[in-house]
Amino acid sequence: MSLEPTVHTCFEPVTCTWQYVVADPETKAAVIIDPVLDFDPAKNAISTDTADALLSLVKENGYTITRLIETHAHADHLTAAHYLQQKLVSSGGPKPSMCIGKRIGGVQERFAKRYGIDESDYAGAFDHLVEDDEVFAIGNLEAKAVHLPGHTPDHMGYVIGSNIFCGDSLFNPDIGSARCDFPSGSPHALYTSCQTLFSLPPHFKIYTGHDYPNPADGRTDPVPYTTVATQKATNKHLKEGTTEEEFTKWRQERDSGLAEPRLIHQALQFNIRGGRLPAATEGGDRFLHVPLKVSVGVKALLA
């Protein structure tokens, strides 16, 4: 029987994001998956309470963080990976490697062009680009990367013991599945990725990237995981027997009516940089670009 990790589940309620600290109980080596940096859009202000809580958890348990892992380039929250890396080093620990899937380059290029970001501002933002099916150690634990495209093309999941941390591919059964309308997203690819998840042993736990509990559905507390067996039996979008055609048609119709994530512009510009701040101007200010939406009539008046 393979060694099982200790999994700390840390819910960030503003963006409804699950963060995970996954540790080898024998050696105390650990990784942090999808950490969140707090952002107040009304004030355009970044703060670190959520990330600092992760650091406190790490310190209290005597963990050594070896990797900071992103499942993908998030569009709904700012990553705390770079901040955590700097804080861990400044406190005397080894420098953990910032990791993301190998396809991040295409995502960076696409959004750098959209937001006018120079290549020098994001080149080398991550320390390690993870290969499909790459195996790596967390102390005495074995972890394996699994490509799970559909929500985004760079999306990766991570199998550690009898658990998979699937990011924003599959959500809890009453929530369903992730949207596929981002550039190079694909409901066909997501369907295939979810079949990959369903092919794992029935007792494996699927840890999700978000949860959105709804009291109207009888659930008030966020849940970090359900088993493969439960997902296959009850996922409202993808339970066993759902065809690719049925899922794709439903997902496309659903996505066509969704609003864009509230922090999409701030998150993408920040996250393709690996969580580093934009360069400061001569006056010391740092800027993120937000597209201006202008109707046809207004364009004519302002031309």
Protein backbone atom coordinates (compact mmCIF):
# COMPACT_ATOMS: atom_id res chain seq x y z
CA MET A 1 0.00 0.00 0.00
CA SER A 2 1.38 3.39 -1.00
CA LEU A 3 2.08 6.06 1.60
CA GLU A 4 -0.81 8.48 2.08
CA PRO A 5 -0.32 12.23 2.51
CA THR A 6 -1.62 14.53 5.18
CA VAL A 7 -3.97 16.94 3.40
CA HIS A 8 -4.82 20.33 4.87
CA THR A 9 -7.83 21.92 3.17
CA CYS A 10 -7.94 25.73 3.30
CA PHE A 11 -11.01 27.48 1.89
CA GLU A 12 -10.80 31.10 0.74
CA PRO A 13 -14.42 32.35 0.89
CA VAL A 14 -14.23 35.52 -1.23
CA THR A 15 -13.29 33.66 -4.41
CA CYS A 16 -14.59 30.30 -3.12
CA THR A 17 -11.19 28.75 -3.79
CA TRP A 18 -9.77 25.60 -2.20
CA GLN A 19 -6.07 25.77 -1.36
CA TYR A 20 -4.23 22.66 -0.27
CA VAL A 21 -1.15 21.93 1.79
CA VAL A 22 -0.18 18.33 1.06
CA ALA A 23 2.51 16.81 3.25
CA ASP A 24 4.51 13.65 3.75
CA PRO A 25 3.81 12.75 7.40
CA GLU A 26 7.20 11.03 7.74
CA THR A 27 9.62 13.64 6.39
CA LYS A 28 7.41 16.76 6.77
CA ALA A 29 8.13 17.74 3.16
CA ALA A 30 5.06 19.43 1.67
CA VAL A 31 3.64 21.27 -1.33
CA ILE A 32 1.08 24.06 -1.54
CA ILE A 33 -1.48 23.86 -4.35
CA ASP A 34 -3.30 26.94 -5.76
CA PRO A 35 -2.58 29.52 -3.02
CA VAL A 36 -4.61 32.76 -3.03
CA LEU A 37 -3.50 36.37 -2.65
CA ASP A 38 -6.27 38.66 -1.39
CA PHE A 39 -7.44 41.41 -3.74
CA ASP A 40 -10.00 44.15 -3.12
CA PRO A 41 -11.28 45.40 -6.51
CA ALA A 42 -12.99 48.42 -4.94
CA LYS A 43 -9.64 49.68 -3.61
CA ASN A 44 -7.38 47.97 -6.18
CA ALA A 45 -5.49 46.72 -3.17
CA ILE A 46 -3.57 43.49 -2.56
CA SER A 47 -3.23 41.99 0.92
CA THR A 48 -1.84 38.74 2.28
CA ASP A 49 -4.03 37.51 5.14
CA THR A 50 -4.98 34.28 3.33
CA ALA A 51 -1.41 33.52 2.27
CA ASP A 52 -0.10 34.33 5.75
CA ALA A 53 -2.55 31.81 7.21
CA LEU A 54 -0.96 29.17 4.97
CA LEU A 55 2.48 30.16 6.25
CA SER A 56 1.25 29.83 9.83
CA LEU A 57 -0.10 26.35 9.10
CA VAL A 58 3.24 25.35 7.56
CA LYS A 59 5.19 26.66 10.54
CA GLU A 60 2.89 25.09 13.14
CA ASN A 61 3.30 21.67 11.55
CA GLY A 62 7.04 21.94 10.93
CA TYR A 63 6.69 21.47 7.17
CA THR A 64 9.33 22.22 4.57
CA ILE A 65 7.65 23.43 1.36
CA THR A 66 9.38 21.96 -1.68
CA ARG A 67 6.97 23.10 -4.41
CA LEU A 68 4.33 25.75 -4.98
CA ILE A 69 1.98 24.23 -7.55
CA GLU A 70 -0.53 25.94 -9.83
CA THR A 71 -3.08 23.70 -11.53
CA HIS A 72 -3.50 26.37 -14.25
CA ALA A 73 -3.45 30.11 -14.91
CA HIS A 74 -6.45 31.17 -12.83
CA ALA A 75 -8.93 33.78 -14.05
CA ASP A 76 -10.81 34.28 -10.78
CA HIS A 77 -8.15 34.93 -8.15
CA LEU A 78 -4.58 36.17 -7.83
CA THR A 79 -1.92 33.59 -7.02
CA ALA A 80 0.14 33.92 -3.85
CA ALA A 81 2.89 31.63 -5.15
CA HIS A 82 5.60 34.26 -5.58
CA TYR A 83 4.77 35.93 -2.27
CA LEU A 84 4.94 32.59 -0.46
CA GLN A 85 8.22 31.71 -2.13
CA GLN A 86 9.81 34.96 -1.01
CA LYS A 87 8.48 34.67 2.54
CA LEU A 88 9.64 31.07 2.91
CA VAL A 89 13.14 31.97 1.74
CA SER A 90 13.35 35.09 3.92
CA SER A 91 12.41 33.00 6.97
CA GLY A 92 15.43 30.77 6.37
CA GLY A 93 13.85 27.89 4.48
CA PRO A 94 14.91 26.43 1.12
CA LYS A 95 13.51 28.04 -2.02
CA PRO A 96 10.47 26.05 -3.17
CA SER A 97 10.05 25.63 -6.91
CA MET A 98 7.09 27.45 -8.49
CA CYS A 99 5.49 24.90 -10.84
CA ILE A 100 2.83 24.96 -13.55
CA GLY A 101 1.97 22.86 -16.60
CA LYS A 102 4.27 23.07 -19.63
CA ARG A 103 1.61 24.68 -21.84
CA ILE A 104 1.62 27.91 -19.84
CA GLY A 105 3.76 29.58 -22.52
CA GLY A 106 0.87 29.73 -24.97
CA VAL A 107 -1.41 31.17 -22.30
CA GLN A 108 1.18 33.78 -21.37
CA GLU A 109 1.69 34.85 -24.96
CA ARG A 110 -2.03 35.14 -25.64
CA PHE A 111 -2.82 37.30 -22.64
CA ALA A 112 0.40 39.30 -22.75
CA LYS A 113 -0.61 40.41 -26.24
CA ARG A 114 -4.13 41.25 -25.09
CA TYR A 115 -3.00 43.34 -22.12
CA GLY A 116 0.13 44.87 -23.64
CA ILE A 117 2.58 43.06 -21.38
CA ASP A 118 6.18 42.82 -22.56
CA GLU A 119 7.70 39.35 -22.76
CA SER A 120 10.45 40.35 -20.33
CA ASP A 121 7.72 40.85 -17.72
CA TYR A 122 6.64 37.20 -17.71
CA ALA A 123 9.54 35.20 -19.19
CA GLY A 124 10.86 32.75 -16.62
CA ALA A 125 7.99 33.51 -14.23
CA PHE A 126 7.87 29.84 -13.18
CA ASP A 127 10.79 27.76 -12.00
CA HIS A 128 9.57 24.46 -13.42
CA LEU A 129 7.19 23.58 -16.26
CA VAL A 130 5.56 20.26 -15.50
CA GLU A 131 5.43 17.56 -18.17
CA ASP A 132 2.41 15.32 -18.76
CA ASP A 133 2.65 12.22 -16.53
CA GLU A 134 5.68 13.65 -14.75
CA VAL A 135 6.45 11.88 -11.47
CA PHE A 136 8.11 13.71 -8.60
CA ALA A 137 8.73 13.20 -4.90
CA ILE A 138 7.28 14.99 -1.90
CA GLY A 139 9.56 13.53 0.74
CA ASN A 140 8.77 9.81 0.60
CA LEU A 141 5.50 10.42 -1.26
CA GLU A 142 5.15 9.96 -4.99
CA ALA A 143 3.17 12.52 -6.98
CA LYS A 144 2.15 12.31 -10.62
CA ALA A 145 1.01 15.11 -12.91
CA VAL A 146 -1.98 14.46 -15.20
CA HIS A 147 -2.96 16.73 -18.09
CA LEU A 148 -6.65 17.70 -17.68
CA PRO A 149 -7.47 20.20 -20.44
CA GLY A 150 -10.88 21.64 -21.22
CA HIS A 151 -11.32 24.48 -18.76
CA THR A 152 -7.95 25.82 -19.94
CA PRO A 153 -5.36 24.20 -22.23
CA ASP A 154 -2.58 24.27 -19.61
CA HIS A 155 -4.64 22.60 -16.90
CA MET A 156 -2.99 19.89 -14.79
CA GLY A 157 -4.12 17.64 -11.96
CA TYR A 158 -1.90 15.94 -9.39
CA VAL A 159 -2.26 12.40 -8.05
CA ILE A 160 -0.76 12.04 -4.57
CA GLY A 161 -1.49 8.78 -2.80
CA SER A 162 -5.15 7.91 -3.32
CA ASN A 163 -6.07 11.52 -4.04
CA ILE A 164 -6.18 13.72 -7.12
CA PHE A 165 -6.16 17.50 -6.92
CA CYS A 166 -8.08 18.31 -10.09
CA GLY A 167 -8.20 22.11 -10.01
CA ASP A 168 -11.07 23.60 -12.01
CA SER A 169 -11.98 20.61 -14.14
CA LEU A 170 -14.58 18.78 -12.09
CA PHE A 171 -16.49 20.29 -9.18
CA ASN A 172 -18.53 18.64 -6.46
CA PRO A 173 -21.50 16.62 -7.77
CA ASP A 174 -24.14 19.27 -7.03
CA ILE A 175 -22.04 21.95 -8.81
CA GLY A 176 -20.98 19.86 -11.80
CA SER A 177 -18.19 20.93 -14.12
CA ALA A 178 -16.07 23.94 -15.04
CA ARG A 179 -16.79 26.43 -17.80
CA CYS A 180 -15.00 25.90 -21.11
CA ASP A 181 -15.38 29.30 -22.83
CA PHE A 182 -11.92 30.65 -22.11
CA PRO A 183 -9.49 30.84 -25.07
CA SER A 184 -8.57 27.30 -26.19
CA GLY A 185 -11.07 25.85 -23.73
CA SER A 186 -13.05 22.87 -25.02
CA PRO A 187 -16.05 20.95 -23.65
CA HIS A 188 -14.91 17.95 -25.71
CA ALA A 189 -11.51 18.06 -24.00
CA LEU A 190 -13.13 18.55 -20.60
CA TYR A 191 -15.37 15.53 -21.14
CA THR A 192 -12.29 13.43 -21.91
CA SER A 193 -10.47 14.83 -18.88
CA CYS A 194 -13.37 13.91 -16.62
CA GLN A 195 -13.34 10.38 -18.01
CA THR A 196 -9.67 10.30 -17.01
CA LEU A 197 -10.72 11.24 -13.48
CA PHE A 198 -13.48 8.62 -13.50
CA SER A 199 -11.00 5.94 -14.56
CA LEU A 200 -9.25 6.19 -11.19
CA PRO A 201 -10.12 3.63 -8.50
CA PRO A 202 -13.59 4.23 -6.98
CA HIS A 203 -12.24 5.10 -3.51
CA PHE A 204 -9.88 7.82 -4.76
CA LYS A 205 -10.73 11.30 -3.50
CA ILE A 206 -11.20 14.08 -6.08
CA TYR A 207 -10.19 17.39 -4.49
CA THR A 208 -11.68 20.37 -6.35
CA GLY A 209 -10.38 23.88 -7.01
CA HIS A 210 -13.58 25.63 -5.90
CA ASP A 211 -16.86 25.01 -4.15
CA TYR A 212 -20.02 27.09 -4.20
CA PRO A 213 -22.36 25.75 -1.51
CA ASN A 214 -25.94 26.93 -1.89
CA PRO A 215 -28.32 26.87 1.10
CA ALA A 216 -31.20 26.55 -1.36
CA ASP A 217 -29.76 23.15 -2.27
CA GLY A 218 -29.44 22.18 1.38
CA ARG A 219 -25.70 22.79 1.68
CA THR A 220 -24.04 25.66 3.56
CA ASP A 221 -20.47 24.41 4.15
CA PRO A 222 -17.84 24.04 1.44
CA VAL A 223 -16.67 20.48 0.76
CA PRO A 224 -13.13 19.85 -0.53
CA TYR A 225 -13.59 16.40 -2.05
CA THR A 226 -15.85 13.52 -2.96
CA THR A 227 -14.83 10.07 -4.17
CA VAL A 228 -14.59 8.90 -7.75
CA ALA A 229 -17.52 6.55 -7.10
CA THR A 230 -19.71 9.40 -5.81
CA GLN A 231 -18.82 11.64 -8.74
CA LYS A 232 -19.59 8.94 -11.29
CA ALA A 233 -22.94 8.19 -9.66
CA THR A 234 -24.19 11.70 -8.93
CA ASN A 235 -22.35 14.51 -10.77
CA LYS A 236 -25.16 16.56 -12.24
CA HIS A 237 -23.31 17.31 -15.48
CA LEU A 238 -21.24 14.20 -16.02
CA LYS A 239 -22.56 11.23 -14.14
CA GLU A 240 -21.91 7.82 -15.63
CA GLY A 241 -23.89 7.33 -18.82
CA THR A 242 -23.74 10.98 -19.94
CA THR A 243 -22.58 11.05 -23.56
CA GLU A 244 -19.98 13.44 -24.90
CA GLU A 245 -22.59 14.89 -27.26
CA GLU A 246 -25.03 15.56 -24.41
CA PHE A 247 -22.39 17.15 -22.21
CA THR A 248 -20.89 19.27 -24.98
CA LYS A 249 -24.26 20.64 -26.08
CA TRP A 250 -25.26 21.50 -22.52
CA ARG A 251 -21.87 23.03 -21.65
CA GLN A 252 -21.83 25.25 -24.75
CA GLU A 253 -25.35 26.51 -24.07
CA ARG A 254 -24.53 27.15 -20.43
CA ASP A 255 -21.24 28.92 -21.12
CA SER A 256 -22.80 31.24 -23.72
CA GLY A 257 -24.83 32.89 -20.95
CA LEU A 258 -22.14 33.20 -18.28
CA ALA A 259 -20.67 36.53 -17.24
CA GLU A 260 -16.89 36.77 -17.17
CA PRO A 261 -15.23 36.18 -13.78
CA ARG A 262 -15.19 39.29 -11.61
CA LEU A 263 -11.39 39.44 -11.35
CA ILE A 264 -10.50 38.04 -14.77
CA HIS A 265 -8.43 41.00 -16.00
CA GLN A 266 -6.50 41.51 -12.78
CA ALA A 267 -6.00 37.77 -12.24
CA LEU A 268 -4.73 36.92 -15.70
CA GLN A 269 -2.23 39.79 -15.84
CA PHE A 270 -0.94 38.91 -12.39
CA ASN A 271 -0.93 35.14 -12.79
CA ILE A 272 0.91 34.93 -16.11
CA ARG A 273 3.68 36.74 -14.25
CA GLY A 274 3.67 33.94 -11.67
CA GLY A 275 2.32 36.29 -9.01
CA ARG A 276 4.90 39.02 -9.46
CA LEU A 277 3.86 42.67 -9.37
CA PRO A 278 3.92 44.73 -12.58
CA ALA A 279 6.93 47.01 -12.87
CA ALA A 280 6.64 50.33 -11.06
CA THR A 281 6.45 53.62 -12.93
CA GLU A 282 8.80 56.50 -12.16
CA GLY A 283 6.22 57.69 -9.67
CA GLY A 284 6.17 54.32 -7.92
CA ASP A 285 2.72 53.23 -9.11
CA ARG A 286 1.96 49.79 -10.54
CA PHE A 287 -0.78 49.29 -13.11
CA LEU A 288 -3.01 46.53 -14.41
CA HIS A 289 -4.97 47.15 -17.62
CA VAL A 290 -8.76 46.83 -17.66
CA PRO A 291 -10.47 46.84 -21.08
CA LEU A 292 -12.99 49.61 -21.70
CA LYS A 293 -16.26 48.39 -23.19
CA VAL A 294 -17.72 50.94 -25.57
CA SER A 295 -21.01 50.55 -27.47
CA VAL A 296 -21.21 51.27 -31.19
CA GLY A 297 -23.14 54.52 -30.64
CA VAL A 298 -20.63 55.82 -28.11
CA LYS A 299 -17.73 54.92 -30.40
CA ALA A 300 -19.25 57.08 -33.14
CA LEU A 301 -19.67 60.02 -30.78
CA LEU A 302 -16.13 59.77 -29.43
CA ALA A 303 -14.40 59.14 -32.75
